């Protein structure tokens, strides 16, 4: 049985991302996976790492529970929109507050290298956007994807990271959105 954590990075519960998360979870559970969810818009936490790394901020209960869920999981699924080329602020704040030294990585004394503490996990990004795929790839150089895949998840040892782009959402029809929901459900079922 596969252990999957699905994280919804959209702050609004009525979003397409919520539907995609629900569809993925349904597909995964129907194939026998054990699934836990984290909905960032419902968590109670300060997304601002107020002191940087110079002073420790105590983690709120919701963040401690989220860390436990991500450590438990073998596969992480992040569902979120692309805003200004990357993730929403709440999602960035979630990473700032949870992917801390000692949890997701460990630095070696007198070295710029780190030990990756979340290795052995894989990930999928389900990313919605209004930007056409070709424009995001060739003009914007997929900045948000690189941040997630290399600078955050890869830095902590999570690999491989696969990406599913959904969009453009703004001009999509209801039938196209229903197709995206079915695709999310198939992705969940296929992984489990």
Protein backbone atom coordinates (compact mmCIF):
# COMPACT_ATOMS: atom_id res chain seq x y z
CA UNK A 1 0.00 0.00 0.00
CA UNK A 2 1.38 3.40 -0.97
CA UNK A 3 1.33 6.26 1.57
CA UNK A 4 0.47 9.56 -0.14
CA UNK A 5 0.23 13.09 1.26
CA UNK A 6 -1.70 15.54 -0.91
CA UNK A 7 -1.08 19.22 -0.17
CA UNK A 8 -3.46 21.86 -1.54
CA UNK A 9 -1.59 25.16 -1.82
CA UNK A 10 -4.57 27.23 -2.95
CA UNK A 11 -5.99 29.32 -0.09
CA UNK A 12 -9.58 29.28 -1.43
CA UNK A 13 -11.54 26.07 -0.76
CA UNK A 14 -13.85 26.58 -3.76
CA UNK A 15 -11.00 26.59 -6.26
CA UNK A 16 -10.27 24.24 -9.14
CA UNK A 17 -7.22 23.14 -7.12
CA UNK A 18 -9.57 21.84 -4.40
CA UNK A 19 -11.43 19.82 -7.03
CA UNK A 20 -8.18 18.47 -8.45
CA UNK A 21 -6.99 17.49 -4.97
CA UNK A 22 -10.30 15.73 -4.21
CA UNK A 23 -10.19 13.89 -7.55
CA UNK A 24 -6.59 12.76 -7.01
CA UNK A 25 -7.41 11.53 -3.50
CA UNK A 26 -10.47 9.64 -4.78
CA UNK A 27 -8.40 7.92 -7.47
CA UNK A 28 -5.61 6.98 -5.09
CA UNK A 29 -7.93 5.62 -2.42
CA UNK A 30 -9.90 3.62 -4.98
CA UNK A 31 -6.66 1.83 -5.88
CA UNK A 32 -5.80 0.99 -2.29
CA UNK A 33 -3.46 3.83 -1.31
CA UNK A 34 -3.49 5.32 2.16
CA UNK A 35 -3.94 9.09 1.74
CA UNK A 36 -3.67 12.07 4.07
CA UNK A 37 -4.38 15.65 3.04
CA UNK A 38 -3.05 19.04 4.05
CA UNK A 39 -5.10 22.07 3.04
CA UNK A 40 -2.97 25.17 3.56
CA UNK A 41 -5.96 27.53 3.52
CA UNK A 42 -7.39 25.73 6.58
CA UNK A 43 -4.19 25.69 8.66
CA UNK A 44 -3.60 28.10 11.50
CA UNK A 45 -0.01 29.35 11.19
CA UNK A 46 2.09 32.44 10.64
CA UNK A 47 3.61 32.05 7.14
CA UNK A 48 6.32 34.62 7.90
CA UNK A 49 9.68 33.25 9.05
CA UNK A 50 10.03 36.37 11.20
CA UNK A 51 13.65 36.03 12.28
CA UNK A 52 15.04 34.18 9.30
CA UNK A 53 17.26 31.44 10.65
CA UNK A 54 18.80 33.58 13.41
CA UNK A 55 16.13 32.81 16.01
CA UNK A 56 13.82 29.81 16.29
CA UNK A 57 10.06 30.25 15.93
CA UNK A 58 7.98 27.59 17.64
CA UNK A 59 5.89 25.63 15.17
CA UNK A 60 2.13 25.82 15.49
CA UNK A 61 0.24 22.53 16.03
CA UNK A 62 -0.98 22.53 12.42
CA UNK A 63 2.59 22.76 11.12
CA UNK A 64 3.80 19.98 13.43
CA UNK A 65 0.97 17.77 12.15
CA UNK A 66 1.85 18.69 8.54
CA UNK A 67 5.50 17.76 9.14
CA UNK A 68 4.42 14.39 10.57
CA UNK A 69 2.21 13.76 7.53
CA UNK A 70 5.00 14.59 5.07
CA UNK A 71 7.49 12.37 6.96
CA UNK A 72 4.94 9.54 6.95
CA UNK A 73 4.34 9.79 3.19
CA UNK A 74 6.23 7.97 0.48
CA UNK A 75 4.82 10.27 -2.21
CA UNK A 76 3.94 13.96 -1.95
CA UNK A 77 1.45 15.64 -4.27
CA UNK A 78 1.31 19.43 -4.37
CA UNK A 79 -1.74 20.99 -6.03
CA UNK A 80 -1.52 24.77 -6.48
CA UNK A 81 -2.01 27.66 -8.88
CA UNK A 82 0.73 29.62 -10.58
CA UNK A 83 0.53 33.24 -9.43
CA UNK A 84 3.15 35.70 -10.67
CA UNK A 85 5.14 32.81 -12.15
CA UNK A 86 5.32 30.70 -9.01
CA UNK A 87 3.32 29.45 -6.00
CA UNK A 88 0.91 31.44 -3.78
CA UNK A 89 2.41 33.25 -0.77
CA UNK A 90 0.79 30.86 1.72
CA UNK A 91 2.58 27.93 0.10
CA UNK A 92 5.95 29.69 0.16
CA UNK A 93 5.33 30.52 3.83
CA UNK A 94 4.47 26.87 4.49
CA UNK A 95 7.84 25.78 3.07
CA UNK A 96 9.67 28.54 4.98
CA UNK A 97 8.14 27.38 8.24
CA UNK A 98 8.18 23.57 7.82
CA UNK A 99 11.15 22.66 5.62
CA UNK A 100 13.60 23.68 8.33
CA UNK A 101 17.16 22.60 9.09
CA UNK A 102 16.97 19.33 11.00
CA UNK A 103 13.67 18.38 9.35
CA UNK A 104 14.22 18.53 5.61
CA UNK A 105 17.98 18.99 5.44
CA UNK A 106 21.02 19.20 7.68
CA UNK A 107 24.06 21.34 7.05
CA UNK A 108 27.53 19.95 7.64
CA UNK A 109 29.92 22.01 9.79
CA UNK A 110 32.29 24.20 7.75
CA UNK A 111 30.67 23.07 4.50
CA UNK A 112 28.22 24.48 1.98
CA UNK A 113 26.90 20.96 1.37
CA UNK A 114 23.82 19.60 3.08
CA UNK A 115 22.46 16.21 4.00
CA UNK A 116 19.07 15.65 2.34
CA UNK A 117 16.69 14.37 5.03
CA UNK A 118 13.56 13.75 2.92
CA UNK A 119 15.16 11.30 0.50
CA UNK A 120 13.30 8.15 -0.49
CA UNK A 121 10.18 10.14 -1.39
CA UNK A 122 8.80 11.07 -4.78
CA UNK A 123 6.53 13.96 -5.74
CA UNK A 124 4.00 15.15 -8.27
CA UNK A 125 3.11 18.79 -8.89
CA UNK A 126 -0.36 19.49 -10.27
CA UNK A 127 -0.13 23.13 -11.25
CA UNK A 128 -2.92 25.29 -12.61
CA UNK A 129 -2.21 28.41 -14.62
CA UNK A 130 -3.81 30.97 -16.90
CA UNK A 131 -0.61 31.38 -18.90
CA UNK A 132 -0.43 29.26 -22.07
CA UNK A 133 1.97 26.34 -21.66
CA UNK A 134 4.26 27.48 -24.48
CA UNK A 135 4.58 30.97 -22.99
CA UNK A 136 5.33 29.63 -19.51
CA UNK A 137 7.97 27.28 -20.92
CA UNK A 138 9.73 29.40 -23.52
CA UNK A 139 9.26 32.98 -22.31
CA UNK A 140 9.00 32.60 -18.51
CA UNK A 141 11.41 29.61 -18.50
CA UNK A 142 9.18 27.63 -16.09
CA UNK A 143 10.54 29.54 -13.11
CA UNK A 144 7.99 28.21 -10.61
CA UNK A 145 8.57 24.60 -11.67
CA UNK A 146 12.33 24.97 -11.22
CA UNK A 147 11.88 26.48 -7.76
CA UNK A 148 9.69 23.59 -6.63
CA UNK A 149 11.57 20.76 -8.35
CA UNK A 150 15.16 21.80 -7.69
CA UNK A 151 15.39 24.55 -5.10
CA UNK A 152 12.89 23.11 -2.60
CA UNK A 153 12.09 19.43 -3.11
CA UNK A 154 15.34 18.38 -4.78
CA UNK A 155 17.37 20.27 -2.17
CA UNK A 156 15.78 18.03 0.47
CA UNK A 157 16.21 14.77 -1.48
CA UNK A 158 12.72 14.34 -2.95
CA UNK A 159 13.06 12.83 -6.43
CA UNK A 160 11.86 12.29 -9.01
CA UNK A 161 9.42 15.19 -9.18
CA UNK A 162 6.89 14.96 -12.00
CA UNK A 163 4.83 17.93 -13.17
CA UNK A 164 1.30 18.07 -14.57
CA UNK A 165 0.30 21.48 -15.95
CA UNK A 166 -3.40 22.37 -16.05
CA UNK A 167 -4.51 25.33 -18.12
CA UNK A 168 -5.07 27.90 -19.30
CA UNK A 169 -7.87 27.86 -16.72
CA UNK A 170 -9.29 31.33 -17.33
CA UNK A 171 -10.56 30.54 -20.83
CA UNK A 172 -11.41 26.87 -20.23
CA UNK A 173 -14.80 25.30 -20.79
CA UNK A 174 -16.71 23.22 -18.26
CA UNK A 175 -16.03 20.07 -20.29
CA UNK A 176 -12.29 20.80 -20.30
CA UNK A 177 -12.33 21.30 -16.51
CA UNK A 178 -14.17 17.99 -16.10
CA UNK A 179 -11.47 16.35 -18.21
CA UNK A 180 -8.78 17.79 -15.93
CA UNK A 181 -10.58 16.39 -12.88
CA UNK A 182 -10.71 12.95 -14.53
CA UNK A 183 -6.99 13.19 -15.33
CA UNK A 184 -6.21 14.01 -11.67
CA UNK A 185 -8.26 11.00 -10.62
CA UNK A 186 -6.35 8.79 -13.11
CA UNK A 187 -3.02 10.09 -11.78
CA UNK A 188 -4.03 9.12 -8.25
CA UNK A 189 -5.27 5.69 -9.29
CA UNK A 190 -2.20 4.96 -11.37
CA UNK A 191 0.26 5.76 -8.59
CA UNK A 192 -1.37 3.65 -5.91
